[in-house]
Amino acid sequence: MSDYSKLEQCLDYQFKDADLIIEALTHKSFKKPYNNERLEYLGDAVLNLIVGEFLYKKFPQSNEGDLSKIRASLVNETGFTRLANEIKLGDYIYLSIAEERNKGRSKASILSDAFEAIMGAIYLESGLEILKVIILDLLNRSYTEINLSVLFSDYKTALQEITQAEFASIPEYRIEASYGPDHKKEFEVSIWIDNKHYGQAIGKSKKLAQQAVAKIALDILTKDK
């Protein structure tokens, strides 16, 4: 079994119950009587609460819609994978030999699920306040700044990381049309990955349209993983 003491150091947290952290690190492919799916479910719910409260306090002038968008940019597979990589979580997950060969340690779906499970385990063992400190520290370490524009800019980056890993290629953005006068022009952009069309979006600039359509593709590629 893996030595997870370095993981505890990265989290600045020591588990009292060794069985709990082992369960949190066990992927279903490992074929044990237990796996991390139940803890993942719990962690997802708690992370939504902690991040929601954090954003509520950090952006007192932001409305519900903007807060929801920022939270959605953080609390998703890409966001959790980013935090998982911050603590090198992939080094400690228990996987089957087949999943190991299939580069499971770097798969976004496996990393994000394990991250949620670890957070669920800490919550079970030590409660919300202890977990909150750990999560906020990880967010501060992983993001130089948290605001709507910075997080939107991550959609293209996050998508490119996934397509390079899964397709060994980067997305292609095509301008399909433009509308309106020069001072108020909008652009329609489509996205193609590995010669497959994943969607189209309209934005008030080419950059915003690319971000919007990258989000569409990202949602498609990470759905049901």
Protein backbone atom coordinates (compact mmCIF):
# COMPACT_ATOMS: atom_id res chain seq x y z
CA MET A 1 0.00 0.00 0.00
CA SER A 2 1.12 3.57 -0.62
CA ASP A 3 2.79 5.65 2.05
CA TYR A 4 0.41 8.60 2.32
CA SER A 5 2.38 10.53 4.96
CA LYS A 6 3.62 13.03 2.33
CA LEU A 7 0.03 13.58 1.27
CA GLU A 8 -0.85 14.40 4.88
CA GLN A 9 2.05 16.86 4.93
CA CYS A 10 0.73 18.58 1.80
CA LEU A 11 -2.70 18.85 3.43
CA ASP A 12 -1.24 19.84 6.80
CA TYR A 13 -3.60 17.25 8.25
CA GLN A 14 -3.00 13.89 9.86
CA PHE A 15 -5.71 11.26 9.69
CA LYS A 16 -6.69 9.61 12.96
CA ASP A 17 -8.43 6.72 11.17
CA ALA A 18 -6.11 5.00 8.67
CA ASP A 19 -9.00 2.99 7.24
CA LEU A 20 -10.79 6.20 6.30
CA ILE A 21 -7.95 7.66 4.21
CA ILE A 22 -7.34 4.28 2.57
CA GLU A 23 -11.02 4.11 1.60
CA ALA A 24 -10.82 7.66 0.23
CA LEU A 25 -7.81 6.73 -1.91
CA THR A 26 -9.27 3.47 -3.24
CA HIS A 27 -10.63 3.59 -6.79
CA LYS A 28 -13.38 1.12 -7.68
CA SER A 29 -11.03 -0.63 -10.14
CA PHE A 30 -8.87 -1.81 -7.22
CA LYS A 31 -11.50 -4.51 -6.45
CA LYS A 32 -11.76 -4.18 -2.69
CA PRO A 33 -14.96 -4.56 -0.65
CA TYR A 34 -14.86 -0.75 -0.35
CA ASN A 35 -14.06 2.20 -2.64
CA ASN A 36 -14.15 5.99 -2.50
CA GLU A 37 -17.50 6.61 -4.22
CA ARG A 38 -19.55 7.24 -1.06
CA LEU A 39 -16.93 9.61 0.33
CA GLU A 40 -16.79 11.32 -3.07
CA TYR A 41 -20.53 11.98 -2.86
CA LEU A 42 -20.15 13.50 0.59
CA GLY A 43 -17.11 15.55 -0.37
CA ASP A 44 -18.89 17.06 -3.36
CA ALA A 45 -21.73 18.33 -1.17
CA VAL A 46 -19.40 19.78 1.47
CA LEU A 47 -17.11 21.43 -1.09
CA ASN A 48 -20.09 23.16 -2.69
CA LEU A 49 -21.02 24.57 0.71
CA ILE A 50 -17.51 25.72 1.65
CA VAL A 51 -16.76 27.33 -1.71
CA GLY A 52 -20.23 28.90 -1.80
CA GLU A 53 -19.70 30.52 1.60
CA PHE A 54 -16.17 31.62 0.65
CA LEU A 55 -17.41 33.37 -2.49
CA TYR A 56 -20.38 34.92 -0.67
CA LYS A 57 -17.98 36.63 1.74
CA LYS A 58 -15.25 37.42 -0.82
CA PHE A 59 -17.58 39.14 -3.32
CA PRO A 60 -20.18 41.07 -1.28
CA GLN A 61 -21.24 43.13 -4.32
CA SER A 62 -21.72 40.18 -6.70
CA ASN A 63 -25.21 38.93 -7.51
CA GLU A 64 -26.41 35.34 -7.32
CA GLY A 65 -25.79 34.71 -11.02
CA ASP A 66 -22.14 35.80 -10.92
CA LEU A 67 -21.50 33.89 -7.69
CA SER A 68 -22.98 30.76 -9.27
CA LYS A 69 -20.75 31.15 -12.32
CA ILE A 70 -17.62 31.56 -10.21
CA ARG A 71 -18.54 28.58 -8.06
CA ALA A 72 -19.23 26.47 -11.16
CA SER A 73 -15.75 27.37 -12.43
CA LEU A 74 -14.18 26.10 -9.19
CA VAL A 75 -16.43 23.24 -8.15
CA ASN A 76 -16.15 20.90 -11.12
CA GLU A 77 -13.90 18.15 -12.42
CA THR A 78 -11.34 20.56 -13.84
CA GLY A 79 -11.20 22.62 -10.66
CA PHE A 80 -10.88 19.59 -8.40
CA THR A 81 -8.22 18.08 -10.65
CA ARG A 82 -6.23 21.28 -10.33
CA LEU A 83 -6.42 21.06 -6.53
CA ALA A 84 -5.61 17.34 -6.64
CA ASN A 85 -2.47 18.06 -8.66
CA GLU A 86 -1.49 20.72 -6.11
CA ILE A 87 -1.14 17.95 -3.51
CA LYS A 88 0.13 15.31 -6.03
CA LEU A 89 -2.86 13.15 -5.19
CA GLY A 90 -2.33 10.87 -8.19
CA ASP A 91 0.74 9.38 -6.52
CA TYR A 92 -1.34 7.87 -3.71
CA ILE A 93 -4.48 6.46 -5.35
CA TYR A 94 -4.99 2.67 -5.25
CA LEU A 95 -5.74 1.52 -8.80
CA SER A 96 -6.00 -1.75 -10.67
CA ILE A 97 -3.03 -2.74 -12.84
CA ALA A 98 -5.16 -2.17 -15.94
CA GLU A 99 -6.14 1.32 -14.86
CA GLU A 100 -2.53 2.04 -13.96
CA ARG A 101 -1.46 1.07 -17.49
CA ASN A 102 -4.22 3.27 -18.84
CA LYS A 103 -2.62 6.32 -17.18
CA GLY A 104 -5.30 6.39 -14.50
CA ARG A 105 -3.14 8.42 -12.13
CA SER A 106 -3.37 11.43 -14.42
CA LYS A 107 -7.02 11.05 -15.46
CA ALA A 108 -9.09 14.06 -14.50
CA SER A 109 -12.10 11.94 -13.57
CA ILE A 110 -10.12 9.73 -11.16
CA LEU A 111 -8.18 12.64 -9.64
CA SER A 112 -11.23 14.82 -9.05
CA ASP A 113 -13.23 11.95 -7.55
CA ALA A 114 -10.38 11.06 -5.19
CA PHE A 115 -10.03 14.71 -4.19
CA GLU A 116 -13.72 14.91 -3.30
CA ALA A 117 -13.38 11.65 -1.35
CA ILE A 118 -10.39 12.90 0.65
CA MET A 119 -12.26 16.08 1.54
CA GLY A 120 -15.32 14.04 2.51
CA ALA A 121 -13.13 11.89 4.77
CA ILE A 122 -11.62 14.92 6.52
CA TYR A 123 -15.12 16.35 7.03
CA LEU A 124 -16.34 13.08 8.57
CA GLU A 125 -13.37 12.87 10.89
CA SER A 126 -12.83 16.50 11.92
CA GLY A 127 -15.82 18.58 10.81
CA LEU A 128 -16.50 21.60 8.67
CA GLU A 129 -14.23 24.20 10.27
CA ILE A 130 -11.06 22.09 9.96
CA LEU A 131 -11.90 21.20 6.36
CA LYS A 132 -12.63 24.84 5.52
CA VAL A 133 -9.09 25.88 6.49
CA ILE A 134 -7.61 23.15 4.26
CA ILE A 135 -9.78 24.02 1.26
CA LEU A 136 -9.18 27.76 1.46
CA ASP A 137 -5.43 27.17 1.74
CA LEU A 138 -5.51 24.97 -1.37
CA LEU A 139 -7.51 27.55 -3.30
CA ASN A 140 -5.02 30.28 -2.39
CA ARG A 141 -2.10 28.05 -3.41
CA SER A 142 -3.69 27.03 -6.73
CA TYR A 143 -5.09 30.36 -7.95
CA THR A 144 -3.16 33.63 -7.96
CA GLU A 145 -6.51 35.43 -8.07
CA ILE A 146 -10.12 34.31 -7.95
CA ASN A 147 -12.54 36.41 -9.96
CA LEU A 148 -14.94 35.90 -12.83
CA SER A 149 -12.64 37.00 -15.67
CA VAL A 150 -9.66 34.96 -14.45
CA LEU A 151 -11.74 31.82 -14.05
CA PHE A 152 -13.33 32.23 -17.46
CA SER A 153 -9.87 32.41 -18.99
CA ASP A 154 -9.21 28.95 -17.55
CA TYR A 155 -11.80 27.24 -19.76
CA LYS A 156 -9.53 27.24 -22.82
CA THR A 157 -6.51 26.17 -20.77
CA ALA A 158 -8.42 23.42 -18.99
CA LEU A 159 -9.88 22.14 -22.26
CA GLN A 160 -6.48 22.10 -23.96
CA GLU A 161 -5.01 20.05 -21.11
CA ILE A 162 -7.76 17.45 -21.54
CA THR A 163 -7.57 17.28 -25.33
CA GLN A 164 -3.79 16.93 -25.30
CA ALA A 165 -4.09 14.03 -22.85
CA GLU A 166 -7.02 12.28 -24.55
CA PHE A 167 -6.55 13.11 -28.24
CA ALA A 168 -2.93 14.28 -28.46
CA SER A 169 -4.24 17.43 -30.15
CA ILE A 170 -5.43 20.92 -29.30
CA PRO A 171 -8.86 22.42 -30.02
CA GLU A 172 -9.44 24.32 -33.25
CA TYR A 173 -11.59 27.46 -33.06
CA ARG A 174 -13.28 28.60 -36.29
CA ILE A 175 -15.03 31.92 -36.82
CA GLU A 176 -18.30 30.98 -38.50
CA ALA A 177 -19.92 34.42 -38.72
CA SER A 178 -19.98 37.96 -37.37
CA TYR A 179 -22.98 40.14 -36.72
CA GLY A 180 -23.78 43.80 -36.16
CA PRO A 181 -22.00 47.10 -36.81
CA ASP A 182 -18.28 47.52 -36.13
CA HIS A 183 -18.81 49.28 -32.80
CA LYS A 184 -21.13 46.49 -31.56
CA LYS A 185 -20.00 43.39 -33.38
CA GLU A 186 -20.61 39.84 -32.18
CA PHE A 187 -18.75 36.73 -33.32
CA GLU A 188 -19.96 33.18 -33.73
CA VAL A 189 -17.22 30.60 -33.14
CA SER A 190 -17.29 26.83 -33.51
CA ILE A 191 -14.95 24.37 -31.84
CA TRP A 192 -13.44 21.23 -33.36
CA ILE A 193 -11.46 18.59 -31.52
CA ASP A 194 -9.84 15.71 -33.37
CA ASN A 195 -11.90 16.71 -36.45
CA LYS A 196 -15.18 16.47 -34.52
CA HIS A 197 -17.53 19.42 -34.02
CA TYR A 198 -18.36 20.05 -30.34
CA GLY A 199 -20.48 23.18 -30.49
CA GLN A 200 -20.83 26.87 -31.35
CA ALA A 201 -21.18 30.04 -29.29
CA ILE A 202 -21.59 33.78 -29.81
CA GLY A 203 -19.62 36.43 -27.94
CA LYS A 204 -19.04 40.18 -27.97
CA SER A 205 -15.44 39.50 -29.01
CA LYS A 206 -13.63 36.58 -30.60
CA LYS A 207 -11.99 35.85 -27.27
CA LEU A 208 -15.27 35.74 -25.33
CA ALA A 209 -16.85 33.54 -27.99
CA GLN A 210 -13.89 31.15 -27.77
CA GLN A 211 -14.20 31.01 -23.99
CA ALA A 212 -17.91 30.28 -24.24
CA VAL A 213 -17.52 27.50 -26.77
CA ALA A 214 -14.56 26.03 -24.84
CA LYS A 215 -16.88 25.78 -21.83
CA ILE A 216 -19.42 23.87 -23.97
CA ALA A 217 -16.77 21.39 -25.13
CA LEU A 218 -15.35 21.06 -21.63
CA ASP A 219 -18.79 20.18 -20.25
CA ILE A 220 -19.27 17.55 -22.96
CA LEU A 221 -15.88 15.91 -22.40
CA THR A 222 -16.18 15.83 -18.61
CA LYS A 223 -19.81 14.76 -18.43
CA ASP A 224 -20.47 11.38 -16.81
CA LYS A 225 -16.83 10.79 -16.02
